[in-house]
């Protein structure tokens, strides 16, 4: 079952965004291929967008 952002606890969403950010910066520091860095950047931004989802 796929969980919507509202089903995930705020702390879990925050941790996911931090993990994605660390993965992106680690890939950049290791000079990983551009396509991989772009994918990680997209995942990071998607995680940040999920932080902005408010519960109703």
N, C-alpha and C. Protein backbone atom coordinates (compact mmCIF):
# COMPACT_ATOMS: atom_id res chain seq x y z
N UNK A 1 0.84 -1.18 0.00
CA UNK A 1 0.00 0.00 0.00
C UNK A 1 0.89 1.25 0.00
N UNK A 2 0.60 2.17 -0.86
CA UNK A 2 1.35 3.42 -0.95
C UNK A 2 0.75 4.41 0.04
N UNK A 3 1.62 5.03 0.82
CA UNK A 3 1.16 6.00 1.80
C UNK A 3 1.20 7.39 1.20
N UNK A 4 0.16 8.15 1.49
CA UNK A 4 0.17 9.55 1.08
C UNK A 4 1.01 10.32 2.09
N UNK A 5 1.50 11.52 1.73
CA UNK A 5 2.28 12.32 2.67
C UNK A 5 1.55 12.58 3.98
N UNK A 6 0.24 12.64 3.95
CA UNK A 6 -0.52 12.91 5.18
C UNK A 6 -0.51 11.72 6.13
N UNK A 7 -0.24 10.50 5.59
CA UNK A 7 -0.22 9.31 6.42
C UNK A 7 1.10 9.14 7.17
N UNK A 8 2.11 9.89 6.80
CA UNK A 8 3.44 9.75 7.38
C UNK A 8 3.63 10.82 8.44
N UNK A 9 4.17 10.42 9.58
CA UNK A 9 4.38 11.35 10.69
C UNK A 9 5.32 12.48 10.27
N UNK A 10 5.11 13.68 10.79
CA UNK A 10 5.97 14.81 10.44
C UNK A 10 7.45 14.53 10.69
N UNK A 11 7.76 13.82 11.76
CA UNK A 11 9.17 13.53 12.05
C UNK A 11 9.76 12.63 10.97
N UNK A 12 8.97 11.69 10.49
CA UNK A 12 9.45 10.78 9.43
C UNK A 12 9.67 11.55 8.13
N UNK A 13 8.78 12.50 7.83
CA UNK A 13 8.95 13.30 6.62
C UNK A 13 10.19 14.17 6.73
N UNK A 14 10.43 14.73 7.91
CA UNK A 14 11.61 15.55 8.12
C UNK A 14 12.87 14.71 7.97
N UNK A 15 12.87 13.52 8.55
CA UNK A 15 14.04 12.65 8.46
C UNK A 15 14.28 12.23 7.01
N UNK A 16 13.22 11.95 6.27
CA UNK A 16 13.36 11.57 4.86
C UNK A 16 13.98 12.71 4.06
N UNK A 17 13.56 13.94 4.33
CA UNK A 17 14.13 15.10 3.63
C UNK A 17 15.60 15.26 3.98
N UNK A 18 15.96 15.09 5.24
CA UNK A 18 17.36 15.19 5.64
C UNK A 18 18.21 14.09 5.01
N UNK A 19 17.67 12.88 4.98
CA UNK A 19 18.40 11.76 4.36
C UNK A 19 18.63 12.01 2.87
N UNK A 20 17.60 12.54 2.20
CA UNK A 20 17.73 12.84 0.77
C UNK A 20 18.76 13.95 0.55
N UNK A 21 18.76 14.94 1.42
CA UNK A 21 19.74 16.03 1.30
C UNK A 21 21.16 15.48 1.48
N UNK A 22 21.36 14.64 2.48
CA UNK A 22 22.69 14.07 2.72
C UNK A 22 23.13 13.22 1.53
N UNK A 23 22.21 12.45 0.95
CA UNK A 23 22.55 11.62 -0.21
C UNK A 23 22.98 12.49 -1.39
N UNK A 24 22.27 13.59 -1.60
CA UNK A 24 22.63 14.50 -2.69
C UNK A 24 24.02 15.09 -2.48
N UNK A 25 24.27 15.61 -1.28
CA UNK A 25 25.58 16.23 -1.02
C UNK A 25 26.71 15.21 -1.05
N UNK A 26 26.45 14.00 -0.59
CA UNK A 26 27.48 12.95 -0.66
C UNK A 26 27.80 12.62 -2.11
N UNK A 27 26.79 12.53 -2.95
CA UNK A 27 27.02 12.24 -4.37
C UNK A 27 27.79 13.38 -5.03
N UNK A 28 27.48 14.61 -4.64
CA UNK A 28 28.19 15.76 -5.20
C UNK A 28 29.64 15.75 -4.75
N UNK A 29 29.89 15.47 -3.48
CA UNK A 29 31.26 15.44 -2.96
C UNK A 29 32.09 14.33 -3.60
N UNK A 30 31.42 13.25 -3.99
CA UNK A 30 32.11 12.12 -4.62
C UNK A 30 32.17 12.26 -6.13
N UNK A 31 31.70 13.39 -6.65
CA UNK A 31 31.68 13.65 -8.10
C UNK A 31 30.98 12.53 -8.86
N UNK A 32 29.82 12.12 -8.33
CA UNK A 32 29.02 11.09 -9.00
C UNK A 32 28.50 11.65 -10.32
N UNK A 33 28.07 10.79 -11.24
CA UNK A 33 27.57 11.25 -12.54
C UNK A 33 26.41 12.24 -12.39
N UNK A 34 26.36 13.17 -13.33
CA UNK A 34 25.34 14.23 -13.30
C UNK A 34 23.94 13.67 -13.22
N UNK A 35 23.65 12.63 -13.97
CA UNK A 35 22.30 12.06 -13.98
C UNK A 35 21.92 11.53 -12.59
N UNK A 36 22.85 10.91 -11.90
CA UNK A 36 22.58 10.42 -10.55
C UNK A 36 22.35 11.59 -9.59
N UNK A 37 23.16 12.64 -9.71
CA UNK A 37 22.98 13.81 -8.85
C UNK A 37 21.64 14.48 -9.12
N UNK A 38 21.22 14.53 -10.39
CA UNK A 38 19.93 15.12 -10.71
C UNK A 38 18.79 14.32 -10.10
N UNK A 39 18.91 12.99 -10.16
CA UNK A 39 17.88 12.14 -9.57
C UNK A 39 17.81 12.36 -8.06
N UNK A 40 18.96 12.44 -7.41
CA UNK A 40 18.99 12.67 -5.97
C UNK A 40 18.44 14.05 -5.62
N UNK A 41 18.75 15.04 -6.44
CA UNK A 41 18.22 16.39 -6.20
C UNK A 41 16.70 16.39 -6.31
N UNK A 42 16.18 15.67 -7.30
CA UNK A 42 14.73 15.57 -7.46
C UNK A 42 14.10 14.91 -6.24
N UNK A 43 14.73 13.82 -5.75
CA UNK A 43 14.20 13.14 -4.57
C UNK A 43 14.23 14.06 -3.36
N UNK A 44 15.28 14.83 -3.23
CA UNK A 44 15.41 15.77 -2.11
C UNK A 44 14.29 16.81 -2.18
N UNK A 45 14.10 17.41 -3.35
CA UNK A 45 13.06 18.43 -3.50
C UNK A 45 11.67 17.85 -3.28
N UNK A 46 11.45 16.63 -3.73
CA UNK A 46 10.15 15.98 -3.50
C UNK A 46 9.92 15.77 -2.01
N UNK A 47 10.96 15.39 -1.29
CA UNK A 47 10.84 15.20 0.16
C UNK A 47 10.54 16.52 0.86
N UNK A 48 11.16 17.59 0.40
CA UNK A 48 10.90 18.91 1.00
C UNK A 48 9.46 19.34 0.70
N UNK A 49 8.99 19.07 -0.51
CA UNK A 49 7.60 19.41 -0.83
C UNK A 49 6.63 18.65 0.07
N UNK A 50 6.95 17.40 0.39
CA UNK A 50 6.08 16.63 1.27
C UNK A 50 6.02 17.24 2.67
N UNK A 51 7.10 17.93 3.07
CA UNK A 51 7.08 18.61 4.38
C UNK A 51 6.02 19.71 4.41
N UNK A 52 5.76 20.28 3.26
CA UNK A 52 4.83 21.41 3.20
C UNK A 52 3.37 20.98 3.20
N UNK A 53 3.11 19.68 3.06
CA UNK A 53 1.73 19.18 3.07
C UNK A 53 1.20 19.31 4.49
N UNK A 54 0.07 19.95 4.60
CA UNK A 54 -0.53 20.13 5.93
C UNK A 54 -1.63 19.10 6.14
N UNK A 55 -1.81 18.70 7.35
CA UNK A 55 -2.90 17.79 7.68
C UNK A 55 -4.17 18.59 7.92
N UNK A 56 -5.26 17.97 7.60
CA UNK A 56 -6.55 18.65 7.79
C UNK A 56 -7.41 17.89 8.76
